[in-house]
Amino acid sequence: MIWIATPWSDENIADPQEAWRKAVDETKALGAQICLPHGAETDVLLDRMNQRLTPRLAENLRYVREVGMIPGLSTHTPQTILCADNMEEDLVDTYLQPYNAAGFLCEVETDWVQHIITHAKNPVICIKPLAAGRLMPPTGLNFVWNTIRDCDMVCLGIMSKYEAEESIDLSLAILEKRQSEVPLQKTRSKKLLAKKEG
């Protein structure tokens, strides 16, 4: 398993750099391989006027690489990707961005989010593909898998082994352009829609 962590600084430590280093050191000690500052930390440290990362955020990312983890940026604003891509120094290797057909937690319309993702310098990890339960897996996964690049990833939360198996099967079916083996949900109201067996 590859652990991707999104830490944030301890608010009880007065020095922001010291707080960040402590969070990164703890993340490294727990075995994370990829470290992306949480969106609550990332999105307030953007220089939106100049479309760049602030020096403090750049230093935070340098420290992640210094301790031996892959640095990235977790964000809820697609502008973060643009700001990172505008930097002369390669500070990040990936991004984590909400992306789903409902536009849930997307700061702008989904066509704009998709445009930013497909033009990013680095792979994007697309989170919230089911819009936190607002979309059924076939709908949400079809949308995301069919509108991102081959280098991008999809990350969704699961609560059971069954949900993992269902999501994996649906995803593979979508990527292989075949029908999924996941059975349809059956209820009394769908009884007439079901094909008779035998």
N, C-alpha and C. Protein backbone atom coordinates (compact mmCIF):
# COMPACT_ATOMS: atom_id res chain seq x y z
N MET A 1 0.85 -1.18 0.00
CA MET A 1 0.00 0.00 0.00
C MET A 1 0.89 1.24 0.00
N ILE A 2 0.53 2.20 -0.80
CA ILE A 2 1.24 3.49 -0.83
C ILE A 2 0.40 4.48 -0.05
N TRP A 3 0.96 5.04 1.00
CA TRP A 3 0.23 5.98 1.83
C TRP A 3 0.46 7.40 1.35
N ILE A 4 -0.62 8.08 1.03
CA ILE A 4 -0.60 9.48 0.63
C ILE A 4 -1.20 10.28 1.79
N ALA A 5 -0.41 11.18 2.37
CA ALA A 5 -0.86 11.93 3.54
C ALA A 5 -1.09 13.39 3.20
N THR A 6 -2.08 13.99 3.88
CA THR A 6 -2.37 15.42 3.71
C THR A 6 -2.35 16.09 5.09
N PRO A 7 -1.15 16.28 5.66
CA PRO A 7 -1.07 16.85 7.00
C PRO A 7 -1.29 18.36 7.02
N TRP A 8 -1.53 18.89 8.21
CA TRP A 8 -1.57 20.33 8.41
C TRP A 8 -0.86 20.65 9.70
N SER A 9 -0.48 21.91 9.86
CA SER A 9 0.34 22.33 10.98
C SER A 9 -0.43 22.38 12.29
N ASP A 10 0.28 22.12 13.37
CA ASP A 10 -0.28 22.22 14.72
C ASP A 10 -0.49 23.69 15.06
N GLU A 11 -1.73 24.06 15.30
CA GLU A 11 -2.06 25.47 15.59
C GLU A 11 -1.52 25.94 16.93
N ASN A 12 -1.09 25.00 17.78
CA ASN A 12 -0.57 25.37 19.10
C ASN A 12 0.91 25.76 19.07
N ILE A 13 1.54 25.60 17.91
CA ILE A 13 2.95 25.99 17.77
C ILE A 13 2.98 27.35 17.08
N ALA A 14 3.59 28.32 17.73
CA ALA A 14 3.55 29.71 17.25
C ALA A 14 4.27 29.91 15.93
N ASP A 15 5.42 29.27 15.74
CA ASP A 15 6.21 29.45 14.52
C ASP A 15 5.64 28.55 13.42
N PRO A 16 5.10 29.14 12.34
CA PRO A 16 4.47 28.33 11.28
C PRO A 16 5.42 27.31 10.64
N GLN A 17 6.69 27.68 10.44
CA GLN A 17 7.63 26.75 9.82
C GLN A 17 7.94 25.58 10.76
N GLU A 18 8.07 25.86 12.04
CA GLU A 18 8.31 24.80 13.01
C GLU A 18 7.10 23.86 13.08
N ALA A 19 5.92 24.44 13.05
CA ALA A 19 4.70 23.63 13.09
C ALA A 19 4.61 22.73 11.87
N TRP A 20 4.95 23.26 10.68
CA TRP A 20 4.90 22.47 9.47
C TRP A 20 5.93 21.35 9.50
N ARG A 21 7.15 21.66 9.92
CA ARG A 21 8.20 20.64 9.98
C ARG A 21 7.80 19.50 10.92
N LYS A 22 7.19 19.84 12.03
CA LYS A 22 6.73 18.82 12.99
C LYS A 22 5.69 17.91 12.32
N ALA A 23 4.74 18.51 11.61
CA ALA A 23 3.70 17.73 10.93
C ALA A 23 4.32 16.80 9.87
N VAL A 24 5.29 17.30 9.13
CA VAL A 24 5.94 16.50 8.09
C VAL A 24 6.76 15.38 8.72
N ASP A 25 7.49 15.69 9.78
CA ASP A 25 8.29 14.66 10.45
C ASP A 25 7.41 13.54 10.99
N GLU A 26 6.26 13.89 11.56
CA GLU A 26 5.33 12.87 12.06
C GLU A 26 4.77 12.03 10.90
N THR A 27 4.47 12.69 9.80
CA THR A 27 3.95 11.99 8.62
C THR A 27 4.98 11.00 8.08
N LYS A 28 6.22 11.44 8.01
CA LYS A 28 7.31 10.57 7.53
C LYS A 28 7.49 9.38 8.47
N ALA A 29 7.46 9.64 9.78
CA ALA A 29 7.65 8.58 10.77
C ALA A 29 6.54 7.52 10.69
N LEU A 30 5.37 7.93 10.27
CA LEU A 30 4.25 6.99 10.14
C LEU A 30 4.29 6.19 8.84
N GLY A 31 5.22 6.53 7.94
CA GLY A 31 5.42 5.74 6.73
C GLY A 31 4.84 6.30 5.45
N ALA A 32 4.42 7.54 5.45
CA ALA A 32 3.88 8.13 4.21
C ALA A 32 4.97 8.25 3.16
N GLN A 33 4.59 8.06 1.91
CA GLN A 33 5.53 8.20 0.80
C GLN A 33 5.26 9.47 -0.02
N ILE A 34 4.01 9.90 -0.01
CA ILE A 34 3.62 11.12 -0.73
C ILE A 34 2.99 12.06 0.30
N CYS A 35 3.42 13.31 0.30
CA CYS A 35 2.96 14.27 1.31
C CYS A 35 2.48 15.54 0.62
N LEU A 36 1.20 15.84 0.83
CA LEU A 36 0.60 17.03 0.24
C LEU A 36 0.01 17.87 1.38
N PRO A 37 0.45 19.11 1.57
CA PRO A 37 -0.19 19.93 2.60
C PRO A 37 -1.70 19.93 2.38
N HIS A 38 -2.45 19.79 3.46
CA HIS A 38 -3.91 19.78 3.38
C HIS A 38 -4.40 21.07 2.72
N GLY A 39 -5.54 21.00 2.02
CA GLY A 39 -6.08 22.16 1.34
C GLY A 39 -6.29 23.36 2.25
N ALA A 40 -6.61 23.11 3.51
CA ALA A 40 -6.79 24.21 4.46
C ALA A 40 -5.50 24.97 4.68
N GLU A 41 -4.38 24.31 4.45
CA GLU A 41 -3.07 24.93 4.59
C GLU A 41 -2.61 25.51 3.25
N THR A 42 -2.86 24.76 2.19
CA THR A 42 -2.40 25.16 0.86
C THR A 42 -3.11 26.41 0.33
N ASP A 43 -4.43 26.39 0.36
CA ASP A 43 -5.20 27.40 -0.35
C ASP A 43 -5.08 28.80 0.24
N VAL A 44 -4.67 28.92 1.49
CA VAL A 44 -4.47 30.25 2.07
C VAL A 44 -3.06 30.77 1.80
N LEU A 45 -2.20 29.92 1.25
CA LEU A 45 -0.82 30.32 0.99
C LEU A 45 -0.55 30.48 -0.50
N LEU A 46 -1.52 30.97 -1.23
CA LEU A 46 -1.35 31.25 -2.66
C LEU A 46 -1.17 32.74 -2.86
N ASP A 47 -0.32 33.09 -3.81
CA ASP A 47 -0.22 34.47 -4.25
C ASP A 47 -1.07 34.56 -5.51
N ARG A 48 -2.37 34.74 -5.31
CA ARG A 48 -3.31 34.72 -6.43
C ARG A 48 -3.08 35.88 -7.40
N MET A 49 -2.67 37.02 -6.88
CA MET A 49 -2.43 38.19 -7.74
C MET A 49 -1.36 37.89 -8.79
N ASN A 50 -0.27 37.23 -8.35
CA ASN A 50 0.85 36.96 -9.25
C ASN A 50 0.86 35.52 -9.76
N GLN A 51 -0.19 34.75 -9.42
CA GLN A 51 -0.32 33.36 -9.88
C GLN A 51 0.92 32.53 -9.52
N ARG A 52 1.30 32.61 -8.23
CA ARG A 52 2.47 31.88 -7.76
C ARG A 52 2.20 31.34 -6.35
N LEU A 53 3.06 30.44 -5.91
CA LEU A 53 3.01 29.99 -4.53
C LEU A 53 3.76 31.01 -3.67
N THR A 54 3.33 31.21 -2.45
CA THR A 54 4.05 32.11 -1.56
C THR A 54 5.39 31.47 -1.17
N PRO A 55 6.37 32.27 -0.79
CA PRO A 55 7.65 31.71 -0.34
C PRO A 55 7.48 30.69 0.80
N ARG A 56 6.55 30.93 1.71
CA ARG A 56 6.34 30.00 2.82
C ARG A 56 5.86 28.64 2.32
N LEU A 57 4.93 28.62 1.38
CA LEU A 57 4.45 27.35 0.84
C LEU A 57 5.54 26.65 0.06
N ALA A 58 6.33 27.41 -0.69
CA ALA A 58 7.45 26.82 -1.43
C ALA A 58 8.45 26.17 -0.47
N GLU A 59 8.73 26.83 0.63
CA GLU A 59 9.65 26.28 1.63
C GLU A 59 9.06 25.01 2.26
N ASN A 60 7.75 25.01 2.50
CA ASN A 60 7.09 23.82 3.04
C ASN A 60 7.28 22.62 2.10
N LEU A 61 7.14 22.86 0.82
CA LEU A 61 7.28 21.77 -0.16
C LEU A 61 8.72 21.30 -0.26
N ARG A 62 9.67 22.23 -0.18
CA ARG A 62 11.09 21.84 -0.21
C ARG A 62 11.40 20.90 0.97
N TYR A 63 10.81 21.20 2.12
CA TYR A 63 11.08 20.36 3.29
C TYR A 63 10.53 18.95 3.10
N VAL A 64 9.39 18.82 2.47
CA VAL A 64 8.83 17.49 2.19
C VAL A 64 9.82 16.66 1.37
N ARG A 65 10.38 17.27 0.33
CA ARG A 65 11.34 16.55 -0.51
C ARG A 65 12.63 16.27 0.27
N GLU A 66 13.03 17.21 1.11
CA GLU A 66 14.26 17.07 1.90
C GLU A 66 14.21 15.85 2.82
N VAL A 67 13.05 15.56 3.38
CA VAL A 67 12.95 14.40 4.29
C VAL A 67 12.66 13.10 3.54
N GLY A 68 12.57 13.16 2.23
CA GLY A 68 12.48 11.94 1.43
C GLY A 68 11.09 11.50 1.00
N MET A 69 10.13 12.41 1.05
CA MET A 69 8.79 12.09 0.54
C MET A 69 8.54 12.83 -0.77
N ILE A 70 7.58 12.36 -1.52
CA ILE A 70 7.18 13.01 -2.77
C ILE A 70 6.25 14.16 -2.41
N PRO A 71 6.60 15.40 -2.82
CA PRO A 71 5.75 16.54 -2.47
C PRO A 71 4.64 16.78 -3.49
N GLY A 72 3.52 17.22 -2.95
CA GLY A 72 2.40 17.59 -3.80
C GLY A 72 1.58 18.67 -3.12
N LEU A 73 0.47 19.02 -3.72
CA LEU A 73 -0.43 20.03 -3.15
C LEU A 73 -1.85 19.50 -3.14
N SER A 74 -2.45 19.48 -1.96
CA SER A 74 -3.87 19.17 -1.83
C SER A 74 -4.61 20.50 -1.86
N THR A 75 -5.66 20.57 -2.65
CA THR A 75 -6.32 21.86 -2.84
C THR A 75 -7.80 21.68 -3.16
N HIS A 76 -8.57 22.71 -2.91
CA HIS A 76 -9.95 22.76 -3.37
C HIS A 76 -10.12 23.84 -4.43
N THR A 77 -9.05 24.53 -4.76
CA THR A 77 -9.12 25.55 -5.80
C THR A 77 -8.20 25.19 -6.96
N PRO A 78 -8.71 25.08 -8.16
CA PRO A 78 -7.86 24.73 -9.30
C PRO A 78 -6.75 25.74 -9.55
N GLN A 79 -6.91 26.95 -9.04
CA GLN A 79 -5.88 27.98 -9.23
C GLN A 79 -4.56 27.56 -8.59
N THR A 80 -4.62 26.71 -7.58
CA THR A 80 -3.40 26.22 -6.94
C THR A 80 -2.51 25.51 -7.95
N ILE A 81 -3.13 24.72 -8.82
CA ILE A 81 -2.36 24.00 -9.84
C ILE A 81 -1.66 24.99 -10.76
N LEU A 82 -2.36 26.03 -11.18
CA LEU A 82 -1.75 27.05 -12.04
C LEU A 82 -0.59 27.74 -11.33
N CYS A 83 -0.79 28.09 -10.05
CA CYS A 83 0.25 28.78 -9.30
C CYS A 83 1.51 27.91 -9.20
N ALA A 84 1.32 26.62 -8.93
CA ALA A 84 2.48 25.72 -8.82
C ALA A 84 3.16 25.55 -10.18
N ASP A 85 2.37 25.41 -11.23
CA ASP A 85 2.94 25.22 -12.56
C ASP A 85 3.68 26.47 -13.05
N ASN A 86 3.36 27.63 -12.51
CA ASN A 86 4.04 28.88 -12.90
C ASN A 86 5.38 29.08 -12.22
N MET A 87 5.71 28.27 -11.25
CA MET A 87 6.98 28.42 -10.53
C MET A 87 8.13 27.91 -11.39
N GLU A 88 9.26 28.61 -11.33
CA GLU A 88 10.44 28.18 -12.08
C GLU A 88 11.00 26.87 -11.51
N GLU A 89 10.95 26.74 -10.20
CA GLU A 89 11.45 25.55 -9.52
C GLU A 89 10.36 24.47 -9.50
N ASP A 90 10.76 23.23 -9.76
CA ASP A 90 9.81 22.12 -9.67
C ASP A 90 9.62 21.75 -8.21
N LEU A 91 8.54 22.24 -7.62
CA LEU A 91 8.29 22.03 -6.19
C LEU A 91 7.36 20.87 -5.91
N VAL A 92 6.54 20.48 -6.88
CA VAL A 92 5.55 19.44 -6.65
C VAL A 92 5.62 18.37 -7.74
N ASP A 93 5.18 17.17 -7.37
CA ASP A 93 5.12 16.07 -8.32
C ASP A 93 3.70 15.62 -8.61
N THR A 94 2.74 16.11 -7.83
CA THR A 94 1.34 15.74 -8.04
C THR A 94 0.44 16.76 -7.34
N TYR A 95 -0.84 16.68 -7.66
CA TYR A 95 -1.85 17.53 -7.04
C TYR A 95 -3.03 16.66 -6.64
N LEU A 96 -3.79 17.12 -5.66
CA LEU A 96 -5.00 16.44 -5.23
C LEU A 96 -6.13 17.46 -5.32
N GLN A 97 -7.17 17.16 -6.15
CA GLN A 97 -8.20 18.15 -6.47
C GLN A 97 -9.58 17.50 -6.53
N PRO A 98 -10.60 18.06 -5.86
CA PRO A 98 -11.96 17.52 -6.02
C PRO A 98 -12.41 17.65 -7.48
N TYR A 99 -13.05 16.58 -7.97
CA TYR A 99 -13.55 16.60 -9.34
C TYR A 99 -14.67 15.58 -9.45
N ASN A 100 -15.87 16.04 -9.80
CA ASN A 100 -17.01 15.14 -9.94
C ASN A 100 -18.09 15.80 -10.80
N ALA A 101 -18.99 14.98 -11.29
CA ALA A 101 -20.04 15.45 -12.21
C ALA A 101 -21.01 16.42 -11.56
N ALA A 102 -21.13 16.38 -10.24
CA ALA A 102 -22.04 17.30 -9.54
C ALA A 102 -21.40 18.65 -9.25
N GLY A 103 -20.09 18.75 -9.43
CA GLY A 103 -19.40 19.99 -9.10
C GLY A 103 -19.25 20.19 -7.59
N PHE A 104 -19.46 19.14 -6.81
CA PHE A 104 -19.39 19.22 -5.36
C PHE A 104 -17.96 19.54 -4.91
N LEU A 105 -17.81 20.60 -4.12
CA LEU A 105 -16.54 21.10 -3.62
C LEU A 105 -15.58 21.55 -4.72
N CYS A 106 -16.08 21.73 -5.93
CA CYS A 106 -15.28 22.30 -7.00
C CYS A 106 -15.52 23.82 -6.97
N GLU A 107 -14.46 24.58 -7.00
CA GLU A 107 -14.58 26.02 -6.85
C GLU A 107 -15.19 26.69 -8.08
N VAL A 108 -15.02 26.06 -9.24
CA VAL A 108 -15.58 26.58 -10.49
C VAL A 108 -16.30 25.44 -11.21
N GLU A 109 -16.91 25.73 -12.34
CA GLU A 109 -17.65 24.72 -13.09
C GLU A 109 -16.74 23.56 -13.49
N THR A 110 -17.37 22.38 -13.65
CA THR A 110 -16.59 21.17 -13.91
C THR A 110 -15.81 21.23 -15.22
N ASP A 111 -16.30 21.95 -16.22
CA ASP A 111 -15.52 22.03 -17.46
C ASP A 111 -14.22 22.79 -17.23
N TRP A 112 -14.25 23.78 -16.36
CA TRP A 112 -13.02 24.53 -16.02
C TRP A 112 -12.08 23.65 -15.19
N VAL A 113 -12.63 22.90 -14.24
CA VAL A 113 -11.78 22.02 -13.43
C VAL A 113 -11.12 20.99 -14.34
N GLN A 114 -11.90 20.42 -15.25
CA GLN A 114 -11.35 19.43 -16.19
C GLN A 114 -10.26 20.04 -17.06
N HIS A 115 -10.45 21.26 -17.50
CA HIS A 115 -9.43 21.94 -18.33
C HIS A 115 -8.13 22.10 -17.54
N ILE A 116 -8.23 22.52 -16.29
CA ILE A 116 -7.03 22.70 -15.46
C ILE A 116 -6.34 21.35 -15.24
N ILE A 117 -7.11 20.31 -14.94
CA ILE A 117 -6.54 18.99 -14.70
C ILE A 117 -5.81 18.48 -15.93
N THR A 118 -6.42 18.58 -17.10
CA THR A 118 -5.81 18.01 -18.31
C THR A 118 -4.65 18.85 -18.85
N HIS A 119 -4.46 20.04 -18.29
CA HIS A 119 -3.32 20.87 -18.72
C HIS A 119 -2.27 21.02 -17.62
N ALA A 120 -2.44 20.31 -16.51
CA ALA A 120 -1.48 20.39 -15.41
C ALA A 120 -0.15 19.74 -15.82
N LYS A 121 0.95 20.28 -15.28
CA LYS A 121 2.27 19.73 -15.59
C LYS A 121 2.47 18.34 -15.00
N ASN A 122 1.79 18.07 -13.89
CA ASN A 122 1.98 16.81 -13.17
C ASN A 122 0.65 16.07 -13.05
N PRO A 123 0.71 14.77 -12.70
CA PRO A 123 -0.52 14.01 -12.51
C PRO A 123 -1.40 14.60 -11.40
N VAL A 124 -2.71 14.46 -11.59
CA VAL A 124 -3.68 14.95 -10.62
C VAL A 124 -4.42 13.76 -10.01
N ILE A 125 -4.54 13.77 -8.69
CA ILE A 125 -5.33 12.78 -7.98
C ILE A 125 -6.71 13.40 -7.80
N CYS A 126 -7.71 12.85 -8.46
CA CYS A 126 -9.07 13.39 -8.41
C CYS A 126 -9.83 12.78 -7.25
N ILE A 127 -10.21 13.62 -6.29
CA ILE A 127 -10.94 13.13 -5.13
C ILE A 127 -12.42 13.51 -5.24
N LYS A 128 -13.23 12.90 -4.41
CA LYS A 128 -14.68 13.14 -4.36
C LYS A 128 -15.37 12.81 -5.69
N PRO A 129 -15.00 11.72 -6.39
CA PRO A 129 -15.64 11.43 -7.67
C PRO A 129 -17.13 11.11 -7.55
N LEU A 130 -17.57 10.68 -6.36
CA LEU A 130 -18.98 10.39 -6.14
C LEU A 130 -19.67 11.53 -5.39
N ALA A 131 -18.98 12.67 -5.28
CA ALA A 131 -19.54 13.87 -4.65
C ALA A 131 -20.08 13.56 -3.25
N ALA A 132 -19.27 12.84 -2.48
CA ALA A 132 -19.62 12.48 -1.10
C ALA A 132 -21.00 11.81 -1.02
N GLY A 133 -21.21 10.84 -1.92
CA GLY A 133 -22.45 10.06 -1.90
C GLY A 133 -23.60 10.67 -2.67
N ARG A 134 -23.41 11.79 -3.31
CA ARG A 134 -24.47 12.44 -4.08
C ARG A 134 -24.66 11.80 -5.46
N LEU A 135 -23.65 11.05 -5.92
CA LEU A 135 -23.72 10.38 -7.22
C LEU A 135 -23.58 8.88 -7.03
N MET A 136 -24.29 8.11 -7.83
CA MET A 136 -24.14 6.66 -7.83
C MET A 136 -22.79 6.32 -8.45
N PRO A 137 -22.15 5.24 -8.02
CA PRO A 137 -20.83 4.89 -8.55
C PRO A 137 -20.74 4.82 -10.07
N PRO A 138 -21.70 4.18 -10.78
CA PRO A 138 -21.55 4.15 -12.25
C PRO A 138 -21.55 5.55 -12.87
N THR A 139 -22.35 6.45 -12.35
CA THR A 139 -22.42 7.81 -12.89
C THR A 139 -21.15 8.58 -12.57
N GLY A 140 -20.77 8.59 -11.31
CA GLY A 140 -19.59 9.37 -10.90
C GLY A 140 -18.30 8.86 -11.51
N LEU A 141 -18.11 7.54 -11.50
CA LEU A 141 -16.87 6.99 -12.02
C LEU A 141 -16.78 7.12 -13.54
N ASN A 142 -17.90 6.93 -14.24
CA ASN A 142 -17.89 7.12 -15.70
C ASN A 142 -17.46 8.54 -16.06
N PHE A 143 -18.01 9.51 -15.36
CA PHE A 143 -17.67 10.90 -15.66
C PHE A 143 -16.18 11.16 -15.46
N VAL A 144 -15.66 10.79 -14.30
CA VAL A 144 -14.27 11.13 -13.99
C VAL A 144 -13.30 10.36 -14.88
N TRP A 145 -13.47 9.03 -14.98
CA TRP A 145 -12.52 8.24 -15.77
C TRP A 145 -12.49 8.66 -17.24
N ASN A 146 -13.62 9.14 -17.75
CA ASN A 146 -13.67 9.50 -19.17
C ASN A 146 -13.29 10.95 -19.47
N THR A 147 -12.91 11.71 -18.45
CA THR A 147 -12.56 13.11 -18.69
C THR A 147 -11.21 13.51 -18.13
N ILE A 148 -10.41 12.52 -17.69
CA ILE A 148 -9.06 12.81 -17.21
C ILE A 148 -8.04 12.12 -18.10
N ARG A 149 -6.77 12.42 -17.86
CA ARG A 149 -5.69 11.84 -18.66
C ARG A 149 -5.30 10.47 -18.12
N ASP A 150 -4.52 9.73 -18.90
CA ASP A 150 -4.05 8.42 -18.46
C ASP A 150 -3.14 8.52 -17.24
N CYS A 151 -2.44 9.62 -17.06
CA CYS A 151 -1.52 9.77 -15.93
C CYS A 151 -2.22 10.18 -14.65
N ASP A 152 -3.48 10.60 -14.71
CA ASP A 152 -4.21 11.04 -13.53
C ASP A 152 -4.83 9.86 -12.80
N MET A 153 -5.18 10.08 -11.54
CA MET A 153 -5.74 9.01 -10.71
C MET A 153 -7.09 9.43 -10.16
N VAL A 154 -7.84 8.44 -9.71
CA VAL A 154 -9.12 8.67 -9.05
C VAL A 154 -9.03 8.07 -7.65
N CYS A 155 -9.45 8.82 -6.67
CA CYS A 155 -9.40 8.39 -5.28
C CYS A 155 -10.78 8.55 -4.67
N LEU A 156 -11.35 7.46 -4.15
CA LEU A 156 -12.66 7.58 -3.52
C LEU A 156 -12.69 6.83 -2.20
N GLY A 157 -13.52 7.31 -1.31
CA GLY A 157 -13.65 6.70 0.00
C GLY A 157 -14.52 5.47 -0.05
N ILE A 158 -14.16 4.49 0.75
CA ILE A 158 -14.94 3.25 0.83
C ILE A 158 -15.16 2.90 2.29
N MET A 159 -16.23 2.15 2.56
CA MET A 159 -16.56 1.77 3.93
C MET A 159 -16.51 0.26 4.15
N SER A 160 -16.33 -0.50 3.07
CA SER A 160 -16.32 -1.96 3.22
C SER A 160 -15.56 -2.60 2.07
N LYS A 161 -15.26 -3.89 2.26
CA LYS A 161 -14.61 -4.66 1.19
C LYS A 161 -15.51 -4.70 -0.04
N TYR A 162 -16.82 -4.85 0.18
CA TYR A 162 -17.76 -4.89 -0.93
C TYR A 162 -17.69 -3.61 -1.76
N GLU A 163 -17.67 -2.45 -1.09
CA GLU A 163 -17.60 -1.18 -1.82
C GLU A 163 -16.31 -1.07 -2.62
N ALA A 164 -15.20 -1.56 -2.05
CA ALA A 164 -13.93 -1.54 -2.78
C ALA A 164 -14.02 -2.42 -4.02
N GLU A 165 -14.55 -3.63 -3.86
CA GLU A 165 -14.67 -4.54 -5.00
C GLU A 165 -15.57 -3.95 -6.08
N GLU A 166 -16.69 -3.35 -5.66
CA GLU A 166 -17.62 -2.74 -6.62
C GLU A 166 -16.95 -1.60 -7.38
N SER A 167 -16.26 -0.73 -6.67
CA SER A 167 -15.62 0.43 -7.30
C SER A 167 -14.50 0.02 -8.24
N ILE A 168 -13.75 -1.00 -7.84
CA ILE A 168 -12.66 -1.49 -8.70
C ILE A 168 -13.23 -2.13 -9.95
N ASP A 169 -14.26 -2.97 -9.80
CA ASP A 169 -14.85 -3.62 -10.97
C ASP A 169 -15.46 -2.59 -11.92
N LEU A 170 -16.18 -1.63 -11.37
CA LEU A 170 -16.76 -0.58 -12.21
C LEU A 170 -15.68 0.20 -12.94
N SER A 171 -14.62 0.56 -12.22
CA SER A 171 -13.53 1.33 -12.83
C SER A 171 -12.85 0.55 -13.94
N LEU A 172 -12.55 -0.73 -13.69
CA LEU A 172 -11.91 -1.54 -14.73
C LEU A 172 -12.82 -1.69 -15.94
N ALA A 173 -14.11 -1.88 -15.72
CA ALA A 173 -15.05 -2.00 -16.83
C ALA A 173 -15.08 -0.72 -17.66
N ILE A 174 -15.07 0.41 -16.99
CA ILE A 174 -15.07 1.70 -17.69
C ILE A 174 -13.81 1.85 -18.51
N LEU A 175 -12.66 1.57 -17.90
CA LEU A 175 -11.38 1.73 -18.60
C LEU A 175 -11.22 0.72 -19.74
N GLU A 176 -11.83 -0.47 -19.60
CA GLU A 176 -11.75 -1.50 -20.63
C GLU A 176 -12.89 -1.42 -21.64
N LYS A 177 -13.78 -0.44 -21.46
CA LYS A 177 -14.92 -0.24 -22.36
C LYS A 177 -15.81 -1.49 -22.45
N ARG A 178 -16.13 -2.05 -21.28
CA ARG A 178 -17.00 -3.23 -21.23
C ARG A 178 -18.06 -3.02 -20.15
N GLN A 179 -19.06 -3.88 -20.14
CA GLN A 179 -20.09 -3.83 -19.12
C GLN A 179 -19.54 -4.38 -17.81
N SER A 180 -19.89 -3.75 -16.72
CA SER A 180 -19.45 -4.21 -15.41
C SER A 180 -20.25 -5.44 -14.99
N GLU A 181 -19.63 -6.28 -14.16
CA GLU A 181 -20.29 -7.46 -13.60
C GLU A 181 -21.02 -7.12 -12.30
N VAL A 182 -20.94 -5.86 -11.85
CA VAL A 182 -21.60 -5.47 -10.61
C VAL A 182 -23.11 -5.55 -10.82
N PRO A 183 -23.82 -6.35 -9.98
CA PRO A 183 -25.27 -6.47 -10.17
C PRO A 183 -26.00 -5.16 -9.87
N LEU A 184 -27.07 -4.94 -10.58
CA LEU A 184 -27.90 -3.76 -10.33
C LEU A 184 -28.57 -3.89 -8.98
N GLN A 185 -28.80 -2.77 -8.32
CA GLN A 185 -29.53 -2.79 -7.05
C GLN A 185 -31.00 -3.11 -7.35
N LYS A 186 -31.57 -4.00 -6.55
CA LYS A 186 -32.95 -4.41 -6.79
C LYS A 186 -33.84 -3.92 -5.66
N THR A 187 -34.97 -3.35 -6.05
CA THR A 187 -36.00 -2.93 -5.09
C THR A 187 -37.35 -3.33 -5.67
N ARG A 188 -38.39 -3.25 -4.85
CA ARG A 188 -39.73 -3.62 -5.33
C ARG A 188 -40.15 -2.75 -6.52
N SER A 189 -39.79 -1.49 -6.49
CA SER A 189 -40.22 -0.59 -7.57
C SER A 189 -39.55 -0.92 -8.91
N LYS A 190 -38.48 -1.71 -8.88
CA LYS A 190 -37.78 -2.06 -10.12
C LYS A 190 -38.14 -3.46 -10.59
N LYS A 191 -39.07 -4.09 -9.91
CA LYS A 191 -39.41 -5.48 -10.23
C LYS A 191 -39.82 -5.66 -11.69
N LEU A 192 -40.61 -4.75 -12.21
CA LEU A 192 -41.06 -4.86 -13.60
C LEU A 192 -39.96 -4.57 -14.60
N LEU A 193 -38.90 -3.89 -14.15
CA LEU A 193 -37.80 -3.58 -15.06
C LEU A 193 -36.84 -4.78 -15.22
N ALA A 194 -36.82 -5.64 -14.23
CA ALA A 194 -35.89 -6.77 -14.23
C ALA A 194 -36.32 -7.79 -15.28
N LYS A 195 -35.34 -8.35 -15.96
CA LYS A 195 -35.62 -9.40 -16.94
C LYS A 195 -35.99 -10.67 -16.22
N LYS A 196 -36.95 -11.39 -16.77
CA LYS A 196 -37.33 -12.68 -16.18
C LYS A 196 -36.26 -13.70 -16.47
N GLU A 197 -35.91 -14.44 -15.47
CA GLU A 197 -34.88 -15.47 -15.64
C GLU A 197 -35.53 -16.80 -16.03
N GLY A 198 -34.78 -17.57 -16.80
CA GLY A 198 -35.26 -18.91 -17.12
C GLY A 198 -35.88 -19.00 -18.41
